C-alpha cells in the first residue's frame, strides 16, 4: 500500500493540530481536551493529533502522558485507574479528559492522527475505530513497534499506519541496511533531528524525503512552531507539519497556498 491509496492523505498538505494546539493562547493548559480540539477546528483544521491510553477497565482516552500528574489536577497511572476516577480529573484544572469515542462523535468530519501510547490501548482503539466507522479518517502511529504490529495484525491495511522508530531508522539509513525488506507504514512522522549515541543526528534530509516519496510514503515533521522552520521544511519537500502553534502554521500555509479546510 502507498499513501495515495488512502483518502486520508488527499489534502495538498497536511497540517496537524498537535494535541489540539496547546500554544494557541486560548488553549494553554488545555492540551488534548475537547476545548482545544474545538478551537483548532474553528481555525479550519481538519487534522487533529492525539494520543491514546486505556484505563484499568478498558476505556480509551485521548491523553498524552501515562500519568495524570503533569497535565491534570489528578494523580496516578491511567492504566491503574478505573474510568470513574480518571473522568474526575481536569486538564489544567479546567477540562475533563475526553474518551476517544467522544472525540470521534464530536468531530465527524475531522481526520485524526492517533499515537498508541500503551499496549493495553491497542484493542480498545481497534474497537473504537470500527464502532465509529473511522477507518478512512485515521492514521495510527506509535514509537513502539510491538504496539504498531499488534494494531496492524487486527486492522490489516484497512487503516493507514505510520512507521515505528526502527522502521524509520531502516529508511533513514537504508544504505547501511540493504538487505532488510520494506516497512509496512505509509508515512514517516519524525523530528527534524534526534540524539543518537550522544550526538544530534539530522533525521529530515533530502535523501530521506526522496526515499520516502520513491516508495509511496509521506513525511510529516513534529513539533514545528517557528515560521522560518516551517518554510524551510516545506521548501525541502515534506508533506505535512505537526505544530503546537496552529495559528502560526495556518498563516504560513495560507501564505504558501497550501491551506486546506476539506
C-alpha atoms as a PDB file:
ATOM      1  CA  UNK A   1       0.000   0.000   0.000  1.00  0.00           C
ATOM      2  CA  UNK A   2       1.016   3.587  -0.711  1.00  0.00           C
ATOM      3  CA  UNK A   3      -0.124   6.786   0.980  1.00  0.00           C
ATOM      4  CA  UNK A   4      -2.071   7.733  -2.138  1.00  0.00           C
ATOM      5  CA  UNK A   5      -4.208   4.607  -1.684  1.00  0.00           C
ATOM      6  CA  UNK A   6      -5.832   6.160   1.412  1.00  0.00           C
ATOM      7  CA  UNK A   7      -8.332   9.067   1.213  1.00  0.00           C
ATOM      8  CA  UNK A   8      -6.775  10.263   4.483  1.00  0.00           C
ATOM      9  CA  UNK A   9      -3.825  11.711   2.560  1.00  0.00           C
ATOM     10  CA  UNK A  10      -5.729  13.525  -0.199  1.00  0.00           C
ATOM     11  CA  UNK A  11      -5.031  17.059   1.069  1.00  0.00           C
ATOM     12  CA  UNK A  12      -2.347  19.070  -0.792  1.00  0.00           C
ATOM     13  CA  UNK A  13      -0.507  19.472   2.512  1.00  0.00           C
ATOM     14  CA  UNK A  14      -1.339  18.005   5.911  1.00  0.00           C
ATOM     15  CA  UNK A  15      -1.499  20.489   8.811  1.00  0.00           C
ATOM     16  CA  UNK A  16      -1.882  18.797  12.194  1.00  0.00           C
ATOM     17  CA  UNK A  17      -3.045  20.449  15.398  1.00  0.00           C
ATOM     18  CA  UNK A  18      -0.739  18.685  17.866  1.00  0.00           C
ATOM     19  CA  UNK A  19      -2.829  17.796  20.937  1.00  0.00           C
ATOM     20  CA  UNK A  20      -5.262  20.447  19.694  1.00  0.00           C
ATOM     21  CA  UNK A  21      -2.620  23.205  19.601  1.00  0.00           C
ATOM     22  CA  UNK A  22      -1.689  23.909  23.249  1.00  0.00           C
ATOM     23  CA  UNK A  23       0.317  27.059  22.414  1.00  0.00           C
ATOM     24  CA  UNK A  24      -2.707  28.783  20.921  1.00  0.00           C
ATOM     25  CA  UNK A  25      -3.435  31.415  23.633  1.00  0.00           C
ATOM     26  CA  UNK A  26      -6.941  30.135  24.373  1.00  0.00           C
ATOM     27  CA  UNK A  27      -5.677  26.538  24.561  1.00  0.00           C
ATOM     28  CA  UNK A  28      -2.801  26.989  27.015  1.00  0.00           C
ATOM     29  CA  UNK A  29      -3.087  24.357  29.744  1.00  0.00           C
ATOM     30  CA  UNK A  30      -5.852  22.528  27.880  1.00  0.00           C
ATOM     31  CA  UNK A  31      -3.960  20.075  25.673  1.00  0.00           C
ATOM     32  CA  UNK A  32      -5.869  17.057  24.334  1.00  0.00           C
ATOM     33  CA  UNK A  33      -9.197  18.451  25.548  1.00  0.00           C
ATOM     34  CA  UNK A  34     -12.405  18.895  23.596  1.00  0.00           C
ATOM     35  CA  UNK A  35     -11.957  22.632  24.181  1.00  0.00           C
ATOM     36  CA  UNK A  36      -8.582  22.604  22.408  1.00  0.00           C
ATOM     37  CA  UNK A  37      -9.853  20.441  19.562  1.00  0.00           C
ATOM     38  CA  UNK A  38     -12.873  22.710  19.032  1.00  0.00           C
ATOM     39  CA  UNK A  39     -10.633  25.783  18.817  1.00  0.00           C
ATOM     40  CA  UNK A  40      -8.431  24.042  16.252  1.00  0.00           C
ATOM     41  CA  UNK A  41     -11.422  23.044  14.144  1.00  0.00           C
ATOM     42  CA  UNK A  42     -12.779  26.593  14.430  1.00  0.00           C
ATOM     43  CA  UNK A  43      -9.489  27.778  12.896  1.00  0.00           C
ATOM     44  CA  UNK A  44     -10.127  25.459   9.972  1.00  0.00           C
ATOM     45  CA  UNK A  45      -8.017  22.466  10.968  1.00  0.00           C
ATOM     46  CA  UNK A  46      -9.177  19.145   9.553  1.00  0.00           C
ATOM     47  CA  UNK A  47      -6.354  17.055  11.007  1.00  0.00           C
ATOM     48  CA  UNK A  48      -6.062  16.640  14.769  1.00  0.00           C
ATOM     49  CA  UNK A  49      -3.232  14.800  16.503  1.00  0.00           C
ATOM     50  CA  UNK A  50      -3.835  12.972  19.748  1.00  0.00           C
ATOM     51  CA  UNK A  51      -2.531  10.127  21.872  1.00  0.00           C
ATOM     52  CA  UNK A  52      -4.449   7.292  23.491  1.00  0.00           C
ATOM     53  CA  UNK A  53      -4.249   5.287  26.703  1.00  0.00           C
ATOM     54  CA  UNK A  54      -6.656   2.775  28.205  1.00  0.00           C
ATOM     55  CA  UNK A  55      -7.933   2.914  31.765  1.00  0.00           C
ATOM     56  CA  UNK A  56      -7.854  -0.122  34.046  1.00  0.00           C
ATOM     57  CA  UNK A  57     -11.366  -1.039  32.893  1.00  0.00           C
ATOM     58  CA  UNK A  58     -10.593  -0.596  29.188  1.00  0.00           C
ATOM     59  CA  UNK A  59     -11.937   2.891  28.419  1.00  0.00           C
ATOM     60  CA  UNK A  60      -9.897   4.552  25.670  1.00  0.00           C
ATOM     61  CA  UNK A  61      -8.950   8.151  26.492  1.00  0.00           C
ATOM     62  CA  UNK A  62      -7.349  10.885  24.395  1.00  0.00           C
ATOM     63  CA  UNK A  63      -4.384  11.792  26.591  1.00  0.00           C
ATOM     64  CA  UNK A  64      -0.617  12.010  26.141  1.00  0.00           C
ATOM     65  CA  UNK A  65       1.029  11.089  29.440  1.00  0.00           C
ATOM     66  CA  UNK A  66       0.762   7.708  31.107  1.00  0.00           C
ATOM     67  CA  UNK A  67       0.103   9.551  34.379  1.00  0.00           C
ATOM     68  CA  UNK A  68      -2.443  12.217  35.276  1.00  0.00           C
ATOM     69  CA  UNK A  69       0.023  14.221  37.384  1.00  0.00           C
ATOM     70  CA  UNK A  70       1.570  16.710  34.924  1.00  0.00           C
ATOM     71  CA  UNK A  71      -1.393  17.826  32.862  1.00  0.00           C
ATOM     72  CA  UNK A  72      -4.288  17.479  35.299  1.00  0.00           C
ATOM     73  CA  UNK A  73      -5.266  18.036  38.912  1.00  0.00           C
ATOM     74  CA  UNK A  74      -5.376  14.264  39.409  1.00  0.00           C
ATOM     75  CA  UNK A  75      -2.649  11.745  40.182  1.00  0.00           C
ATOM     76  CA  UNK A  76      -1.779   8.196  39.257  1.00  0.00           C
ATOM     77  CA  UNK A  77      -1.157   5.926  36.297  1.00  0.00           C
ATOM     78  CA  UNK A  78      -4.072   5.847  33.871  1.00  0.00           C
ATOM     79  CA  UNK A  79      -3.596   2.116  33.310  1.00  0.00           C
ATOM     80  CA  UNK A  80      -4.096   1.520  37.045  1.00  0.00           C
ATOM     81  CA  UNK A  81      -7.209   3.691  37.448  1.00  0.00           C
ATOM     82  CA  UNK A  82     -10.843   2.995  36.543  1.00  0.00           C
ATOM     83  CA  UNK A  83     -12.620   5.387  34.205  1.00  0.00           C
ATOM     84  CA  UNK A  84     -14.841   6.539  37.078  1.00  0.00           C
ATOM     85  CA  UNK A  85     -11.738   8.030  38.696  1.00  0.00           C
ATOM     86  CA  UNK A  86      -9.990   9.280  35.546  1.00  0.00           C
ATOM     87  CA  UNK A  87     -13.072  11.207  34.462  1.00  0.00           C
ATOM     88  CA  UNK A  88     -12.932  13.254  37.659  1.00  0.00           C
ATOM     89  CA  UNK A  89      -9.518  14.721  36.717  1.00  0.00           C
ATOM     90  CA  UNK A  90      -9.399  18.097  34.981  1.00  0.00           C
ATOM     91  CA  UNK A  91      -6.805  19.088  32.390  1.00  0.00           C
ATOM     92  CA  UNK A  92      -5.208  22.286  33.662  1.00  0.00           C
ATOM     93  CA  UNK A  93      -7.782  22.167  36.440  1.00  0.00           C
ATOM     94  CA  UNK A  94     -10.443  23.058  33.853  1.00  0.00           C
ATOM     95  CA  UNK A  95     -11.261  20.460  31.206  1.00  0.00           C
ATOM     96  CA  UNK A  96     -12.328  16.809  31.515  1.00  0.00           C
ATOM     97  CA  UNK A  97     -10.298  14.128  29.788  1.00  0.00           C
ATOM     98  CA  UNK A  98     -12.236  13.037  26.687  1.00  0.00           C
ATOM     99  CA  UNK A  99     -12.753   9.466  25.638  1.00  0.00           C
ATOM    100  CA  UNK A 100     -11.804   8.655  22.068  1.00  0.00           C
ATOM    101  CA  UNK A 101     -15.449   7.803  21.434  1.00  0.00           C
ATOM    102  CA  UNK A 102     -16.394  11.374  22.419  1.00  0.00           C
ATOM    103  CA  UNK A 103     -13.719  12.758  20.118  1.00  0.00           C
ATOM    104  CA  UNK A 104     -14.909  10.710  17.136  1.00  0.00           C
ATOM    105  CA  UNK A 105     -18.529  11.668  17.785  1.00  0.00           C
ATOM    106  CA  UNK A 106     -17.847  15.384  18.348  1.00  0.00           C
ATOM    107  CA  UNK A 107     -15.862  15.793  15.125  1.00  0.00           C
ATOM    108  CA  UNK A 108     -17.418  13.543  12.462  1.00  0.00           C
ATOM    109  CA  UNK A 109     -15.778  15.431   9.571  1.00  0.00           C
ATOM    110  CA  UNK A 110     -12.282  15.541  11.039  1.00  0.00           C
ATOM    111  CA  UNK A 111      -9.307  13.252  10.465  1.00  0.00           C
ATOM    112  CA  UNK A 112      -7.134  12.038  13.304  1.00  0.00           C
ATOM    113  CA  UNK A 113      -3.509  11.096  13.761  1.00  0.00           C
ATOM    114  CA  UNK A 114      -3.532   8.731  16.739  1.00  0.00           C
ATOM    115  CA  UNK A 115      -0.426   7.694  18.675  1.00  0.00           C
ATOM    116  CA  UNK A 116      -0.833   4.477  20.671  1.00  0.00           C
ATOM    117  CA  UNK A 117       0.928   5.124  23.965  1.00  0.00           C
ATOM    118  CA  UNK A 118       0.358   1.807  25.747  1.00  0.00           C
ATOM    119  CA  UNK A 119      -0.099  -1.855  24.794  1.00  0.00           C
ATOM    120  CA  UNK A 120      -3.468  -2.004  26.559  1.00  0.00           C
ATOM    121  CA  UNK A 121      -4.796   0.729  24.238  1.00  0.00           C
ATOM    122  CA  UNK A 122      -4.440  -1.339  21.052  1.00  0.00           C
ATOM    123  CA  UNK A 123      -7.634  -3.397  21.244  1.00  0.00           C
ATOM    124  CA  UNK A 124      -9.842  -0.534  22.554  1.00  0.00           C
ATOM    125  CA  UNK A 125      -8.567   1.628  19.677  1.00  0.00           C
ATOM    126  CA  UNK A 126      -9.421  -1.047  17.108  1.00  0.00           C
ATOM    127  CA  UNK A 127     -12.895  -1.360  18.622  1.00  0.00           C
ATOM    128  CA  UNK A 128     -13.429   2.426  18.648  1.00  0.00           C
ATOM    129  CA  UNK A 129     -12.366   2.807  15.023  1.00  0.00           C
ATOM    130  CA  UNK A 130     -14.678   0.002  13.906  1.00  0.00           C
ATOM    131  CA  UNK A 131     -17.605   1.214  16.035  1.00  0.00           C
ATOM    132  CA  UNK A 132     -17.367   4.713  14.555  1.00  0.00           C
ATOM    133  CA  UNK A 133     -16.562   3.531  11.021  1.00  0.00           C
ATOM    134  CA  UNK A 134     -13.478   5.723  11.145  1.00  0.00           C
ATOM    135  CA  UNK A 135     -11.133   3.507   9.141  1.00  0.00           C
ATOM    136  CA  UNK A 136     -10.650   6.078   6.376  1.00  0.00           C
ATOM    137  CA  UNK A 137     -10.197   9.095   8.630  1.00  0.00           C
ATOM    138  CA  UNK A 138      -7.440   7.900  10.930  1.00  0.00           C
ATOM    139  CA  UNK A 139      -3.732   7.275  10.684  1.00  0.00           C
ATOM    140  CA  UNK A 140      -2.324   5.250  13.572  1.00  0.00           C
ATOM    141  CA  UNK A 141       1.254   5.564  14.766  1.00  0.00           C
ATOM    142  CA  UNK A 142       3.412   4.535  17.698  1.00  0.00           C
ATOM    143  CA  UNK A 143       7.041   4.667  18.743  1.00  0.00           C
ATOM    144  CA  UNK A 144       6.539   1.131  19.991  1.00  0.00           C
ATOM    145  CA  UNK A 145       6.980  -1.395  17.213  1.00  0.00           C
ATOM    146  CA  UNK A 146       5.138  -4.100  19.173  1.00  0.00           C
ATOM    147  CA  UNK A 147       2.080  -1.851  19.622  1.00  0.00           C
ATOM    148  CA  UNK A 148       2.046  -0.943  15.950  1.00  0.00           C
ATOM    149  CA  UNK A 149       2.461  -4.564  14.880  1.00  0.00           C
ATOM    150  CA  UNK A 150      -0.413  -5.625  17.152  1.00  0.00           C
ATOM    151  CA  UNK A 151      -2.644  -2.935  15.651  1.00  0.00           C
ATOM    152  CA  UNK A 152      -1.737  -3.957  12.084  1.00  0.00           C
ATOM    153  CA  UNK A 153      -2.483  -7.616  12.816  1.00  0.00           C
ATOM    154  CA  UNK A 154      -6.017  -6.655  13.780  1.00  0.00           C
ATOM    155  CA  UNK A 155      -6.720  -4.000  11.139  1.00  0.00           C
ATOM    156  CA  UNK A 156      -4.593  -5.127   8.205  1.00  0.00           C
ATOM    157  CA  UNK A 157      -4.355  -2.441   5.541  1.00  0.00           C
ATOM    158  CA  UNK A 158      -7.837  -1.026   6.207  1.00  0.00           C
ATOM    159  CA  UNK A 159      -6.254   1.772   8.270  1.00  0.00           C
ATOM    160  CA  UNK A 160      -3.190   3.813   7.332  1.00  0.00           C
ATOM    161  CA  UNK A 161      -0.282   3.433   9.721  1.00  0.00           C
ATOM    162  CA  UNK A 162       2.921   5.304  10.366  1.00  0.00           C
ATOM    163  CA  UNK A 163       6.320   3.772  10.861  1.00  0.00           C
ATOM    164  CA  UNK A 164       7.918   2.773  14.154  1.00  0.00           C
ATOM    165  CA  UNK A 165      11.300   4.099  15.251  1.00  0.00           C
ATOM    166  CA  UNK A 166      13.029   1.015  13.902  1.00  0.00           C
ATOM    167  CA  UNK A 167      11.204   1.289  10.581  1.00  0.00           C
ATOM    168  CA  UNK A 168      12.187   4.953  10.302  1.00  0.00           C
ATOM    169  CA  UNK A 169      15.814   4.005  11.019  1.00  0.00           C
ATOM    170  CA  UNK A 170      15.668   1.410   8.236  1.00  0.00           C
ATOM    171  CA  UNK A 171      14.509   4.110   5.834  1.00  0.00           C
ATOM    172  CA  UNK A 172      16.844   6.864   7.046  1.00  0.00           C
ATOM    173  CA  UNK A 173      19.931   4.628   6.990  1.00  0.00           C
ATOM    174  CA  UNK A 174      18.924   2.335   4.128  1.00  0.00           C
ATOM    175  CA  UNK A 175      22.423   2.339   2.544  1.00  0.00           C
ATOM    176  CA  UNK A 176      23.650   0.703   5.746  1.00  0.00           C
ATOM    177  CA  UNK A 177      20.860  -1.878   5.836  1.00  0.00           C
ATOM    178  CA  UNK A 178      20.398  -3.014   2.228  1.00  0.00           C
ATOM    179  CA  UNK A 179      19.120  -6.498   2.982  1.00  0.00           C
ATOM    180  CA  UNK A 180      16.107  -5.535   5.071  1.00  0.00           C
ATOM    181  CA  UNK A 181      12.702  -5.677   3.414  1.00  0.00           C
ATOM    182  CA  UNK A 182      10.304  -2.738   3.125  1.00  0.00           C
ATOM    183  CA  UNK A 183       8.474  -1.434   6.184  1.00  0.00           C
ATOM    184  CA  UNK A 184       4.653  -1.566   6.081  1.00  0.00           C
ATOM    185  CA  UNK A 185       3.875   2.002   7.206  1.00  0.00           C
ATOM    186  CA  UNK A 186       2.874   4.606   4.626  1.00  0.00           C
ATOM    187  CA  UNK A 187       4.099   7.703   6.477  1.00  0.00           C
ATOM    188  CA  UNK A 188       7.209   8.702   8.400  1.00  0.00           C
ATOM    189  CA  UNK A 189       6.398  11.040  11.281  1.00  0.00           C
ATOM    190  CA  UNK A 190       9.717  12.279  12.575  1.00  0.00           C
ATOM    191  CA  UNK A 191      11.525  15.097  14.357  1.00  0.00           C
ATOM    192  CA  UNK A 192      13.964  17.274  12.442  1.00  0.00           C
ATOM    193  CA  UNK A 193      16.835  15.667  14.334  1.00  0.00           C
ATOM    194  CA  UNK A 194      17.362  13.127  17.093  1.00  0.00           C
ATOM    195  CA  UNK A 195      20.039  12.290  19.636  1.00  0.00           C
ATOM    196  CA  UNK A 196      21.838   9.093  18.655  1.00  0.00           C
ATOM    197  CA  UNK A 197      24.895   7.836  20.552  1.00  0.00           C
ATOM    198  CA  UNK A 198      25.130  11.160  22.365  1.00  0.00           C
ATOM    199  CA  UNK A 199      25.091  13.429  19.339  1.00  0.00           C
ATOM    200  CA  UNK A 200      22.464  15.228  17.300  1.00  0.00           C
ATOM    201  CA  UNK A 201      21.797  13.471  14.005  1.00  0.00           C
ATOM    202  CA  UNK A 202      19.636  15.013  11.252  1.00  0.00           C
ATOM    203  CA  UNK A 203      16.601  12.859  10.521  1.00  0.00           C
ATOM    204  CA  UNK A 204      14.804  15.005   7.948  1.00  0.00           C
ATOM    205  CA  UNK A 205      17.156  15.155   4.978  1.00  0.00           C
ATOM    206  CA  UNK A 206      16.665  15.447   1.217  1.00  0.00           C
ATOM    207  CA  UNK A 207      17.692  11.800   0.948  1.00  0.00           C
ATOM    208  CA  UNK A 208      15.078  10.659   3.455  1.00  0.00           C
ATOM    209  CA  UNK A 209      12.365  12.596   1.623  1.00  0.00           C
ATOM    210  CA  UNK A 210      13.446  11.190  -1.758  1.00  0.00           C
ATOM    211  CA  UNK A 211      13.441   7.633  -0.397  1.00  0.00           C
ATOM    212  CA  UNK A 212      10.041   8.065   1.223  1.00  0.00           C
ATOM    213  CA  UNK A 213       8.466   9.544  -1.902  1.00  0.00           C
ATOM    214  CA  UNK A 214      10.020   6.920  -4.158  1.00  0.00           C
ATOM    215  CA  UNK A 215       8.295   4.216  -2.101  1.00  0.00           C
ATOM    216  CA  UNK A 216       4.912   5.965  -1.959  1.00  0.00           C
ATOM    217  CA  UNK A 217       5.261   7.316   1.559  1.00  0.00           C
ATOM    218  CA  UNK A 218       4.771  10.756   3.047  1.00  0.00           C
ATOM    219  CA  UNK A 219       6.980  12.615   5.530  1.00  0.00           C
ATOM    220  CA  UNK A 220       5.420  14.578   8.408  1.00  0.00           C
ATOM    221  CA  UNK A 221       7.605  16.511  10.845  1.00  0.00           C
ATOM    222  CA  UNK A 222       6.981  17.329  14.520  1.00  0.00           C
ATOM    223  CA  UNK A 223       6.735  19.517  16.536  1.00  0.00           C
ATOM    224  CA  UNK A 224       7.344  22.647  14.433  1.00  0.00           C
ATOM    225  CA  UNK A 225       6.366  26.027  15.908  1.00  0.00           C
ATOM    226  CA  UNK A 226       8.650  28.587  14.236  1.00  0.00           C
ATOM    227  CA  UNK A 227       7.608  30.085  10.875  1.00  0.00           C
ATOM    228  CA  UNK A 228      11.130  30.082   9.405  1.00  0.00           C
ATOM    229  CA  UNK A 229      11.472  26.378  10.123  1.00  0.00           C
ATOM    230  CA  UNK A 230       8.029  25.727   8.640  1.00  0.00           C
ATOM    231  CA  UNK A 231       9.053  27.454   5.417  1.00  0.00           C
ATOM    232  CA  UNK A 232      12.389  25.591   5.318  1.00  0.00           C
ATOM    233  CA  UNK A 233      10.740  22.192   5.689  1.00  0.00           C
ATOM    234  CA  UNK A 234       8.081  22.984   3.093  1.00  0.00           C
ATOM    235  CA  UNK A 235      10.848  24.008   0.681  1.00  0.00           C
ATOM    236  CA  UNK A 236      12.611  20.725   1.483  1.00  0.00           C
ATOM    237  CA  UNK A 237       9.543  18.822   0.288  1.00  0.00           C
ATOM    238  CA  UNK A 238       7.849  17.439   3.402  1.00  0.00           C
ATOM    239  CA  UNK A 239       4.171  16.515   3.125  1.00  0.00           C
ATOM    240  CA  UNK A 240       2.895  17.677   6.492  1.00  0.00           C
ATOM    241  CA  UNK A 241       3.748  19.546   9.686  1.00  0.00           C
ATOM    242  CA  UNK A 242       2.621  18.879  13.249  1.00  0.00           C
ATOM    243  CA  UNK A 243       2.509  22.004  15.406  1.00  0.00           C
ATOM    244  CA  UNK A 244       1.539  23.441  18.781  1.00  0.00           C
ATOM    245  CA  UNK A 245       1.419  26.939  17.231  1.00  0.00           C
ATOM    246  CA  UNK A 246      -1.504  26.208  14.993  1.00  0.00           C
ATOM    247  CA  UNK A 247      -2.219  29.896  14.375  1.00  0.00           C
ATOM    248  CA  UNK A 248       1.313  30.363  13.008  1.00  0.00           C
ATOM    249  CA  UNK A 249       1.175  27.210  10.875  1.00  0.00           C
ATOM    250  CA  UNK A 250      -2.148  28.302   9.405  1.00  0.00           C
ATOM    251  CA  UNK A 251      -0.710  31.695   8.411  1.00  0.00           C
ATOM    252  CA  UNK A 252       2.348  30.085   6.807  1.00  0.00           C
ATOM    253  CA  UNK A 253       0.262  27.645   4.794  1.00  0.00           C
ATOM    254  CA  UNK A 254      -2.129  30.350   3.635  1.00  0.00           C
ATOM    255  CA  UNK A 255       0.905  32.357   2.514  1.00  0.00           C
ATOM    256  CA  UNK A 256       2.230  29.332   0.621  1.00  0.00           C
ATOM    257  CA  UNK A 257      -1.123  28.462  -0.970  1.00  0.00           C
ATOM    258  CA  UNK A 258      -1.211  25.140   0.890  1.00  0.00           C
ATOM    259  CA  UNK A 259      -4.012  25.711   3.407  1.00  0.00           C
ATOM    260  CA  UNK A 260      -6.821  23.152   3.137  1.00  0.00           C
ATOM    261  CA  UNK A 261     -10.068  23.048   5.070  1.00  0.00           C
ATOM    262  CA  UNK A 262     -11.590  19.997   3.416  1.00  0.00           C
END
